[in-house]
């Protein structure tokens, strides 16, 4: 889209996404970035989850390390053992922060019944959460 001689980059939903499925949580996060061409850009997120879990979404510069943890439960001789794996991306020296403010935020919560993970013959209530957030950000660095 060309506006008043300035180029505006716009991307569609799913430009970046994360889909995580565990026994207790089914999570989908999608997002898009709009570069306004005037030193500001908007970041939009949609989050849908079913089940139990805590979700936090944040922005980091493309050169900053992104760290996440994977928790796995293994069953050995009727004993529960939790193994933790940590995965980390390589980090460079540039770690400038985004200058952002929330433009819009909406969260909807509900409950629905579905088959229980521990006993598929029973019905269990499951939490459902849907949220939308929009951030308006400005430099310190070029994102796109």
Protein backbone atom coordinates (compact mmCIF):
# COMPACT_ATOMS: atom_id res chain seq x y z
CA UNK A 1 0.00 0.00 0.00
CA UNK A 2 1.51 3.37 -1.00
CA UNK A 3 0.35 6.41 0.96
CA UNK A 4 1.51 10.02 0.42
CA UNK A 5 4.81 8.94 -1.05
CA UNK A 6 5.71 6.72 1.91
CA UNK A 7 5.80 2.95 1.66
CA UNK A 8 3.74 1.09 4.24
CA UNK A 9 4.60 -2.57 4.81
CA UNK A 10 1.65 -4.64 5.97
CA UNK A 11 1.69 -8.33 6.73
CA UNK A 12 -1.22 -10.73 7.27
CA UNK A 13 -2.18 -12.87 10.26
CA UNK A 14 0.17 -15.74 10.71
CA UNK A 15 3.31 -13.81 9.74
CA UNK A 16 4.54 -15.28 12.97
CA UNK A 17 2.78 -17.91 15.03
CA UNK A 18 3.31 -20.44 17.76
CA UNK A 19 1.20 -23.54 18.29
CA UNK A 20 1.83 -25.47 21.51
CA UNK A 21 -0.04 -28.61 22.52
CA UNK A 22 0.41 -30.37 25.85
CA UNK A 23 -1.76 -32.70 27.91
CA UNK A 24 -3.20 -29.73 29.84
CA UNK A 25 -2.97 -26.87 27.33
CA UNK A 26 -3.67 -26.27 23.64
CA UNK A 27 -2.31 -22.84 22.70
CA UNK A 28 -2.21 -20.89 19.43
CA UNK A 29 -0.64 -17.43 19.17
CA UNK A 30 -0.66 -15.58 15.84
CA UNK A 31 0.47 -12.10 15.04
CA UNK A 32 1.30 -9.50 12.46
CA UNK A 33 3.46 -6.40 12.19
CA UNK A 34 2.56 -3.19 10.35
CA UNK A 35 5.43 -0.80 9.61
CA UNK A 36 3.90 2.69 9.32
CA UNK A 37 6.98 4.09 7.56
CA UNK A 38 7.30 7.01 9.98
CA UNK A 39 9.52 5.32 12.56
CA UNK A 40 6.61 3.56 14.26
CA UNK A 41 5.14 0.13 13.81
CA UNK A 42 2.20 -1.78 15.27
CA UNK A 43 2.31 -5.34 16.57
CA UNK A 44 -0.93 -7.31 16.80
CA UNK A 45 -1.39 -10.61 18.65
CA UNK A 46 -4.27 -13.07 18.83
CA UNK A 47 -4.14 -15.76 21.49
CA UNK A 48 -6.48 -18.76 21.76
CA UNK A 49 -6.07 -21.39 24.43
CA UNK A 50 -7.99 -24.34 25.81
CA UNK A 51 -6.97 -25.89 29.11
CA UNK A 52 -4.83 -24.75 31.99
CA UNK A 53 -1.60 -22.80 31.79
CA UNK A 54 -0.05 -19.36 32.04
CA UNK A 55 0.76 -17.48 28.86
CA UNK A 56 2.93 -14.40 28.54
CA UNK A 57 3.74 -12.70 25.23
CA UNK A 58 6.58 -10.24 24.90
CA UNK A 59 8.60 -8.45 22.25
CA UNK A 60 12.35 -8.86 21.91
CA UNK A 61 14.74 -7.40 19.32
CA UNK A 62 15.54 -9.81 16.48
CA UNK A 63 19.12 -10.07 17.76
CA UNK A 64 18.22 -10.90 21.38
CA UNK A 65 18.17 -14.46 22.67
CA UNK A 66 14.79 -16.10 23.04
CA UNK A 67 14.73 -18.64 25.82
CA UNK A 68 12.06 -21.21 26.55
CA UNK A 69 11.72 -24.29 28.73
CA UNK A 70 10.16 -27.63 27.93
CA UNK A 71 8.86 -29.70 30.86
CA UNK A 72 8.33 -33.41 30.20
CA UNK A 73 6.89 -35.95 32.60
CA UNK A 74 8.11 -39.54 32.40
CA UNK A 75 6.65 -42.48 34.28
CA UNK A 76 9.13 -45.02 35.66
CA UNK A 77 7.90 -47.92 37.83
CA UNK A 78 4.81 -45.99 38.98
CA UNK A 79 6.93 -42.99 40.05
CA UNK A 80 6.49 -39.62 38.38
CA UNK A 81 9.73 -37.97 37.33
CA UNK A 82 9.86 -34.52 35.81
CA UNK A 83 12.67 -33.82 33.37
CA UNK A 84 13.40 -30.24 32.37
CA UNK A 85 15.02 -29.33 29.08
CA UNK A 86 16.15 -25.80 28.40
CA UNK A 87 16.64 -24.50 24.89
CA UNK A 88 18.29 -21.16 24.17
CA UNK A 89 18.99 -19.28 20.96
CA UNK A 90 22.36 -17.62 20.41
CA UNK A 91 22.61 -14.10 21.80
CA UNK A 92 24.40 -11.14 20.22
CA UNK A 93 25.59 -7.95 21.92
CA UNK A 94 22.64 -5.80 20.81
CA UNK A 95 19.91 -5.92 23.47
CA UNK A 96 18.01 -2.65 23.03
CA UNK A 97 14.43 -2.60 24.30
CA UNK A 98 11.29 -1.76 22.37
CA UNK A 99 9.55 1.52 23.11
CA UNK A 100 5.90 0.37 23.06
CA UNK A 101 2.53 1.18 24.54
CA UNK A 102 -0.68 -0.85 24.53
CA UNK A 103 -3.24 0.56 22.09
CA UNK A 104 -5.93 -2.09 22.54
CA UNK A 105 -6.46 -5.13 24.74
CA UNK A 106 -9.41 -7.50 25.06
CA UNK A 107 -9.70 -10.82 26.92
CA UNK A 108 -12.65 -13.22 26.79
CA UNK A 109 -12.86 -16.27 29.06
CA UNK A 110 -15.29 -19.15 29.07
CA UNK A 111 -15.70 -22.82 29.92
CA UNK A 112 -16.71 -25.76 27.75
CA UNK A 113 -17.04 -29.47 28.42
CA UNK A 114 -14.84 -31.97 26.61
CA UNK A 115 -13.48 -35.47 27.16
CA UNK A 116 -11.17 -35.81 30.14
CA UNK A 117 -7.52 -36.55 29.36
CA UNK A 118 -7.20 -38.94 32.32
CA UNK A 119 -10.53 -40.72 31.60
CA UNK A 120 -12.04 -40.29 28.10
CA UNK A 121 -15.32 -41.84 29.29
CA UNK A 122 -15.98 -38.73 31.42
CA UNK A 123 -16.64 -35.11 30.56
CA UNK A 124 -14.49 -32.40 32.14
CA UNK A 125 -14.85 -28.61 32.07
CA UNK A 126 -12.04 -26.87 30.17
CA UNK A 127 -11.13 -23.20 30.38
CA UNK A 128 -11.07 -21.31 27.09
CA UNK A 129 -9.38 -17.94 26.71
CA UNK A 130 -9.23 -15.67 23.69
CA UNK A 131 -7.33 -12.41 23.77
CA UNK A 132 -6.33 -9.66 21.35
CA UNK A 133 -3.65 -7.07 22.01
CA UNK A 134 -2.26 -4.24 19.90
CA UNK A 135 1.00 -2.43 20.66
CA UNK A 136 2.24 0.78 19.03
CA UNK A 137 6.03 0.85 19.04
CA UNK A 138 8.75 3.25 17.94
CA UNK A 139 12.44 2.88 17.24
CA UNK A 140 15.30 2.39 18.79
CA UNK A 141 15.97 0.00 15.91
CA UNK A 142 14.54 -1.11 12.61
CA UNK A 143 12.36 -4.21 12.84
CA UNK A 144 11.57 -4.83 9.19
